[in-house]
Amino acid sequence: MDADAQTDRHDIKALPHDEFYAKARAILRGVQTVIDGKREAVEMALTVLLAEGHLLIEDVPGVGKTMLARALAKSVDCSVSRIQFTPDLLPSDITGVSVYNQADREFEFKPGPIFANIVIGDEINRASPKTQSALLESMEEGQVTVDGRTYSLATPFIVVATQNPIEMEGTYPLPEAQRDRFMARISMGYPDAAAELEMLKTRETSSPLTALEPVVSGVDLQRMIGSTRAVFTSSAVEQYAVAICQATRRDRELRLGASPRATLQLVRAAKARAALDGREFVLPDDIDALAIPVLGHRLIAARRAGGGTSALSGGSVADIISRIVAQTPVPLSAS
């Protein structure tokens, strides 16, 4: 994609407010036919999609991580690819490779699965750190460099990755730089008894994913993203987000605080949450609600006397974030 195309990306015409809301509800309804009883996780996934972020879904095997990623991707009529991360996966298996064309007597680039609008990375932490690093440039800059040449990715470009807890056998922890590129991390959790019983009844003969049809086009999605960008954020709310992120850098219980990228993504996610709630402006409540999913996976707790840090689930880090949010003064004029 050339420079003019990149400019067009930021000149997308926003959808009318009512049309945006109707299409967002249609996506939510479609995904919820596949993912029973996990409305909060589905809404968070759509929030990240509309905020042009990347989503990390972390939980134990078998709770629907990949199903959520596939359902979200299938709800939008755009290009989708899936990468199954394994220990023997190579960086070129993701980005693509240059192959010598004997007829033309020159090398020809064969794009990898990263060249899609929505990329599903299944069990991302089963690949080696070297292979994981192949995603760094694409997730931050929307491009891939192979053999000295740079190729732009499609827009919108979103990575939805799943991972098992790092205590699981055969997994590698994601490096800090990789985690920081994900806008948010969510967990699925186990379904309640009613949802699990319903799953037994409805999935005995077929999967609801096969019946799921796209409800918005790729152009519609781009216009929805344009609507999200247009949501108003007052200077008071921006200062509130900055104050929370800066407080994480000073907190003695944290060894690594939130990066400036985290602040930017926190506000972007807040815009998407406001739009999904039917508002054209961001409230401090949006920042509060998103602080843990947007900041939690980026922070590292200080080492304790026993040598441990935070729990895998982010429990202790989540407690620290909750305390910081509670201690940060809420702006009086925020809309």
Protein backbone atom coordinates (compact mmCIF):
# COMPACT_ATOMS: atom_id res chain seq x y z
CA MET A 1 0.00 0.00 0.00
CA ASP A 2 1.43 3.38 -0.98
CA ALA A 3 1.45 6.68 0.91
CA ASP A 4 -1.80 7.85 -0.69
CA ALA A 5 -3.58 4.71 0.51
CA GLN A 6 -2.26 5.27 4.01
CA THR A 7 -3.63 8.82 3.90
CA ASP A 8 -7.03 7.54 2.78
CA ARG A 9 -7.08 5.30 5.83
CA HIS A 10 -7.28 8.38 8.05
CA ASP A 11 -9.87 10.06 5.84
CA ILE A 12 -12.51 7.35 6.22
CA LYS A 13 -16.01 8.79 6.37
CA ALA A 14 -17.66 7.92 9.66
CA LEU A 15 -21.01 6.16 9.78
CA PRO A 16 -24.05 8.03 11.07
CA HIS A 17 -24.46 7.41 14.79
CA ASP A 18 -27.62 5.29 14.50
CA GLU A 19 -26.17 3.14 11.72
CA PHE A 20 -22.96 2.57 13.69
CA TYR A 21 -24.91 1.47 16.74
CA ALA A 22 -27.13 -0.90 14.71
CA LYS A 23 -24.17 -2.58 13.03
CA ALA A 24 -22.28 -2.91 16.32
CA ARG A 25 -25.30 -4.58 17.93
CA ALA A 26 -25.57 -6.95 14.95
CA ILE A 27 -21.95 -8.04 15.41
CA LEU A 28 -22.49 -8.60 19.13
CA ARG A 29 -25.63 -10.65 18.55
CA GLY A 30 -23.90 -12.81 15.95
CA VAL A 31 -20.86 -13.55 18.08
CA GLN A 32 -23.03 -14.26 21.12
CA THR A 33 -24.83 -17.01 19.22
CA VAL A 34 -21.47 -18.80 19.21
CA ILE A 35 -20.10 -17.72 22.60
CA ASP A 36 -22.76 -18.38 25.25
CA GLY A 37 -22.81 -16.40 28.48
CA LYS A 38 -19.68 -14.33 27.84
CA ARG A 39 -21.12 -10.94 26.92
CA GLU A 40 -18.36 -9.00 28.67
CA ALA A 41 -15.61 -10.84 26.76
CA VAL A 42 -17.45 -10.40 23.45
CA GLU A 43 -17.96 -6.69 24.05
CA MET A 44 -14.30 -6.26 24.95
CA ALA A 45 -13.25 -8.05 21.76
CA LEU A 46 -15.43 -5.74 19.67
CA THR A 47 -14.10 -2.73 21.56
CA VAL A 48 -10.54 -3.64 20.58
CA LEU A 49 -11.60 -4.29 16.98
CA LEU A 50 -13.19 -0.84 16.65
CA ALA A 51 -10.24 0.83 18.36
CA GLU A 52 -7.83 -0.70 15.80
CA GLY A 53 -6.00 -2.58 18.50
CA HIS A 54 -4.76 -6.13 18.88
CA LEU A 55 -6.41 -8.55 21.31
CA LEU A 56 -4.80 -11.21 23.49
CA ILE A 57 -7.16 -13.89 24.84
CA GLU A 58 -5.52 -15.83 27.66
CA ASP A 59 -7.02 -18.80 29.46
CA VAL A 60 -6.79 -22.55 29.96
CA PRO A 61 -7.51 -24.87 27.01
CA GLY A 62 -11.08 -25.62 26.01
CA VAL A 63 -12.93 -22.50 27.19
CA GLY A 64 -13.58 -20.98 23.74
CA LYS A 65 -10.61 -18.67 23.10
CA THR A 66 -10.20 -19.64 19.47
CA MET A 67 -13.95 -19.85 18.99
CA LEU A 68 -14.32 -16.22 20.06
CA ALA A 69 -11.55 -15.13 17.69
CA ARG A 70 -13.08 -17.05 14.78
CA ALA A 71 -16.61 -15.80 15.49
CA LEU A 72 -15.46 -12.19 15.60
CA ALA A 73 -13.54 -12.61 12.34
CA LYS A 74 -16.43 -14.37 10.62
CA SER A 75 -18.84 -11.55 11.52
CA VAL A 76 -16.97 -9.18 9.21
CA ASP A 77 -16.73 -9.68 5.45
CA CYS A 78 -12.98 -9.13 5.09
CA SER A 79 -9.84 -11.20 4.64
CA VAL A 80 -9.06 -13.55 7.52
CA SER A 81 -6.10 -15.84 8.10
CA ARG A 82 -5.15 -18.20 10.88
CA ILE A 83 -1.69 -19.05 12.16
CA GLN A 84 -1.26 -22.11 14.35
CA PHE A 85 1.78 -21.32 16.48
CA THR A 86 4.01 -24.32 17.16
CA PRO A 87 7.60 -24.73 18.40
CA ASP A 88 8.85 -25.42 14.85
CA LEU A 89 7.11 -22.42 13.25
CA LEU A 90 9.55 -20.08 11.49
CA PRO A 91 9.30 -16.28 11.13
CA SER A 92 9.03 -16.69 7.34
CA ASP A 93 5.97 -18.91 7.89
CA ILE A 94 4.26 -15.77 9.18
CA THR A 95 5.64 -12.92 7.10
CA GLY A 96 6.25 -14.70 3.81
CA VAL A 97 9.32 -15.58 1.79
CA SER A 98 11.09 -14.52 -1.40
CA VAL A 99 11.22 -17.35 -3.98
CA TYR A 100 13.40 -17.32 -7.07
CA ASN A 101 11.33 -17.27 -10.25
CA GLN A 102 13.37 -19.02 -12.92
CA ALA A 103 11.20 -17.73 -15.76
CA ASP A 104 11.67 -14.08 -14.82
CA ARG A 105 15.14 -14.64 -13.34
CA GLU A 106 14.30 -12.67 -10.22
CA PHE A 107 13.04 -13.23 -6.71
CA GLU A 108 9.29 -13.07 -6.18
CA PHE A 109 7.76 -12.37 -2.78
CA LYS A 110 5.16 -14.86 -1.58
CA PRO A 111 3.09 -13.16 1.17
CA GLY A 112 2.51 -15.06 4.40
CA PRO A 113 -0.70 -15.27 6.45
CA ILE A 114 0.10 -11.96 8.15
CA PHE A 115 -1.28 -10.27 5.01
CA ALA A 116 -4.94 -10.23 6.03
CA ASN A 117 -7.33 -7.83 7.73
CA ILE A 118 -7.90 -10.10 10.71
CA VAL A 119 -5.14 -12.50 11.72
CA ILE A 120 -5.96 -15.20 14.26
CA GLY A 121 -2.85 -16.34 16.10
CA ASP A 122 -3.72 -19.58 17.85
CA GLU A 123 -1.64 -20.45 20.95
CA ILE A 124 0.87 -17.71 20.23
CA ASN A 125 3.07 -18.60 23.19
CA ARG A 126 3.81 -22.09 21.86
CA ALA A 127 6.18 -20.60 19.29
CA SER A 128 9.74 -19.59 20.10
CA PRO A 129 10.54 -15.97 21.01
CA LYS A 130 12.28 -15.58 17.63
CA THR A 131 9.09 -16.50 15.79
CA GLN A 132 6.95 -14.36 18.09
CA SER A 133 9.15 -11.38 17.22
CA ALA A 134 8.07 -11.66 13.57
CA LEU A 135 4.83 -9.96 14.65
CA LEU A 136 6.46 -6.92 16.28
CA GLU A 137 6.83 -4.73 13.19
CA SER A 138 3.48 -5.67 11.72
CA MET A 139 1.53 -5.05 14.94
CA GLU A 140 3.03 -1.62 15.54
CA GLU A 141 3.70 -0.21 12.08
CA GLY A 142 1.31 -2.11 9.83
CA GLN A 143 4.10 -3.34 7.59
CA VAL A 144 6.49 -6.22 7.07
CA THR A 145 10.14 -6.06 6.01
CA VAL A 146 11.54 -9.09 4.19
CA ASP A 147 14.95 -9.21 2.51
CA GLY A 148 15.34 -5.46 2.81
CA ARG A 149 11.98 -4.62 1.21
CA THR A 150 9.01 -3.24 3.09
CA TYR A 151 5.45 -4.34 2.34
CA SER A 152 2.41 -2.55 3.75
CA LEU A 153 -0.37 -4.61 5.29
CA ALA A 154 -4.08 -4.34 4.61
CA THR A 155 -6.21 -1.91 6.58
CA PRO A 156 -7.74 -2.43 8.99
CA PHE A 157 -5.19 -4.86 10.38
CA ILE A 158 -5.96 -6.63 13.64
CA VAL A 159 -4.28 -9.55 15.39
CA VAL A 160 -6.45 -11.66 17.67
CA ALA A 161 -4.13 -14.04 19.51
CA THR A 162 -4.86 -16.78 22.01
CA GLN A 163 -2.48 -18.18 24.57
CA ASN A 164 -2.49 -20.71 27.37
CA PRO A 165 -1.20 -19.81 30.83
CA ILE A 166 2.58 -19.92 30.96
CA GLU A 167 2.51 -22.71 33.53
CA MET A 168 1.15 -24.98 30.79
CA GLU A 169 3.65 -27.42 29.29
CA GLY A 170 5.40 -26.33 26.10
CA THR A 171 4.76 -22.58 26.31
CA TYR A 172 7.05 -19.55 26.18
CA PRO A 173 6.19 -16.31 27.99
CA LEU A 174 5.58 -13.39 25.64
CA PRO A 175 8.34 -10.76 25.89
CA GLU A 176 7.43 -7.33 27.26
CA ALA A 177 7.68 -5.68 23.83
CA GLN A 178 5.22 -8.20 22.40
CA ARG A 179 2.71 -7.82 25.23
CA ASP A 180 2.84 -4.03 24.97
CA ARG A 181 1.61 -4.20 21.38
CA PHE A 182 -1.64 -5.85 22.42
CA MET A 183 -4.24 -3.26 23.26
CA ALA A 184 -6.01 -5.51 25.75
CA ARG A 185 -5.89 -8.93 27.34
CA ILE A 186 -9.04 -10.77 28.35
CA SER A 187 -9.85 -14.14 29.88
CA MET A 188 -12.82 -16.28 28.93
CA GLY A 189 -13.37 -18.12 32.20
CA TYR A 190 -15.48 -21.23 32.56
CA PRO A 191 -19.16 -21.00 31.52
CA ASP A 192 -21.86 -21.15 34.16
CA ALA A 193 -23.96 -24.31 34.48
CA ALA A 194 -26.84 -22.98 32.35
CA ALA A 195 -24.56 -21.98 29.48
CA GLU A 196 -22.73 -25.30 29.62
CA LEU A 197 -26.01 -27.24 29.52
CA GLU A 198 -27.17 -25.17 26.54
CA MET A 199 -23.89 -25.93 24.79
CA LEU A 200 -24.48 -29.66 25.22
CA LYS A 201 -27.92 -29.36 23.61
CA THR A 202 -27.08 -27.09 20.69
CA ARG A 203 -23.69 -28.47 19.69
CA GLU A 204 -24.46 -32.16 19.68
CA THR A 205 -25.01 -32.24 15.91
CA SER A 206 -23.56 -28.97 14.61
CA SER A 207 -21.45 -25.95 15.51
CA PRO A 208 -23.12 -22.52 15.61
CA LEU A 209 -19.98 -21.12 13.98
CA THR A 210 -20.92 -22.76 10.66
CA ALA A 211 -24.20 -20.84 10.57
CA LEU A 212 -22.61 -17.48 11.38
CA GLU A 213 -22.67 -15.09 8.44
CA PRO A 214 -20.91 -11.70 8.03
CA VAL A 215 -23.12 -8.85 9.18
CA VAL A 216 -20.88 -5.97 8.09
CA SER A 217 -18.60 -5.47 5.11
CA GLY A 218 -14.94 -4.51 5.26
CA VAL A 219 -15.88 -0.99 4.17
CA ASP A 220 -18.52 -0.82 6.91
CA LEU A 221 -15.90 -1.85 9.45
CA GLN A 222 -13.56 0.90 8.28
CA ARG A 223 -16.37 3.44 8.57
CA MET A 224 -17.21 2.13 12.05
CA ILE A 225 -13.58 2.65 12.98
CA GLY A 226 -13.88 6.18 11.59
CA SER A 227 -16.90 6.75 13.85
CA THR A 228 -14.89 5.53 16.82
CA ARG A 229 -12.06 7.94 16.06
CA ALA A 230 -14.59 10.79 15.98
CA VAL A 231 -15.73 10.22 19.59
CA PHE A 232 -14.88 13.31 21.65
CA THR A 233 -12.38 13.07 24.49
CA SER A 234 -12.11 16.12 26.72
CA SER A 235 -8.75 17.35 27.95
CA ALA A 236 -9.84 16.49 31.49
CA VAL A 237 -10.38 12.82 30.58
CA GLU A 238 -7.07 12.73 28.71
CA GLN A 239 -5.31 14.14 31.78
CA TYR A 240 -7.06 11.50 33.89
CA ALA A 241 -5.76 8.69 31.66
CA VAL A 242 -2.25 10.16 31.74
CA ALA A 243 -2.37 10.48 35.54
CA ILE A 244 -3.30 6.79 35.94
CA CYS A 245 -0.55 5.60 33.60
CA GLN A 246 2.07 7.84 35.19
CA ALA A 247 1.07 6.58 38.62
CA THR A 248 1.90 3.02 37.52
CA ARG A 249 5.47 4.16 36.74
CA ARG A 250 5.94 5.56 40.24
CA ASP A 251 4.26 2.80 42.20
CA ARG A 252 6.67 0.85 44.41
CA GLU A 253 4.76 -2.37 43.93
CA LEU A 254 5.45 -2.32 40.19
CA ARG A 255 8.76 -3.03 38.53
CA LEU A 256 7.47 -2.00 35.09
CA GLY A 257 4.76 0.61 34.63
CA ALA A 258 2.56 1.50 31.67
CA SER A 259 4.25 2.80 28.53
CA PRO A 260 3.16 5.90 26.59
CA ARG A 261 1.76 3.45 24.03
CA ALA A 262 -0.46 2.09 26.81
CA THR A 263 -1.83 5.58 27.51
CA LEU A 264 -2.65 6.08 23.85
CA GLN A 265 -4.36 2.71 23.58
CA LEU A 266 -6.28 3.25 26.81
CA VAL A 267 -7.87 6.40 25.35
CA ARG A 268 -8.53 4.73 22.00
CA ALA A 269 -10.26 1.83 23.70
CA ALA A 270 -12.28 4.27 25.82
CA LYS A 271 -13.53 5.92 22.63
CA ALA A 272 -14.70 2.57 21.30
CA ARG A 273 -16.40 1.72 24.57
CA ALA A 274 -18.22 5.05 24.55
CA ALA A 275 -19.37 4.50 20.96
CA LEU A 276 -20.66 1.01 21.78
CA ASP A 277 -22.54 2.51 24.72
CA GLY A 278 -24.27 4.95 22.36
CA ARG A 279 -22.29 8.01 23.45
CA GLU A 280 -20.29 10.49 21.37
CA PHE A 281 -17.98 11.41 24.24
CA VAL A 282 -15.71 9.58 26.68
CA LEU A 283 -16.38 9.49 30.42
CA PRO A 284 -13.92 8.77 33.25
CA ASP A 285 -15.97 5.59 33.81
CA ASP A 286 -14.74 4.33 30.43
CA ILE A 287 -11.14 4.78 31.54
CA ASP A 288 -11.86 3.05 34.86
CA ALA A 289 -13.57 0.08 33.20
CA LEU A 290 -10.73 -0.47 30.74
CA ALA A 291 -7.74 0.12 33.03
CA ILE A 292 -7.25 -3.54 33.98
CA PRO A 293 -7.75 -5.18 30.54
CA VAL A 294 -5.63 -2.52 28.79
CA LEU A 295 -2.87 -2.08 31.39
CA GLY A 296 -2.77 -5.37 33.29
CA HIS A 297 -0.73 -7.45 30.83
CA ARG A 298 1.89 -4.72 30.42
CA LEU A 299 2.75 -4.23 34.08
CA ILE A 300 5.23 -6.31 36.07
CA ALA A 301 4.94 -6.51 39.83
CA ALA A 302 8.01 -5.89 41.96
CA ARG A 303 9.63 -9.02 43.34
CA ARG A 304 8.49 -10.07 46.75
CA ALA A 305 10.61 -11.33 49.60
CA GLY A 306 9.90 -14.91 48.61
CA GLY A 307 11.16 -14.30 45.09
CA GLY A 308 7.73 -14.33 43.39
CA THR A 309 6.05 -11.61 41.40
CA SER A 310 2.45 -11.37 40.28
CA ALA A 311 0.02 -14.24 39.78
CA LEU A 312 -0.47 -15.44 36.21
CA SER A 313 -4.06 -14.24 36.09
CA GLY A 314 -2.89 -10.72 36.88
CA GLY A 315 -4.66 -10.85 40.25
CA SER A 316 -2.10 -8.91 42.24
CA VAL A 317 -1.41 -6.56 39.33
CA ALA A 318 -5.15 -6.04 38.95
CA ASP A 319 -5.35 -5.13 42.63
CA ILE A 320 -2.60 -2.57 42.16
CA ILE A 321 -4.34 -1.05 39.15
CA SER A 322 -7.63 -0.89 41.04
CA ARG A 323 -5.90 0.89 43.91
CA ILE A 324 -4.23 3.38 41.57
CA VAL A 325 -7.53 4.10 39.81
CA ALA A 326 -9.28 4.60 43.16
CA GLN A 327 -6.56 6.98 44.34
CA THR A 328 -6.45 9.07 41.16
CA PRO A 329 -8.75 12.13 41.40
CA VAL A 330 -11.62 11.97 38.94
CA PRO A 331 -11.96 15.15 36.82
CA LEU A 332 -15.02 17.18 37.66
CA SER A 333 -15.60 18.35 34.09
CA ALA A 334 -15.09 15.44 31.73
CA SER A 335 -17.51 15.78 28.83
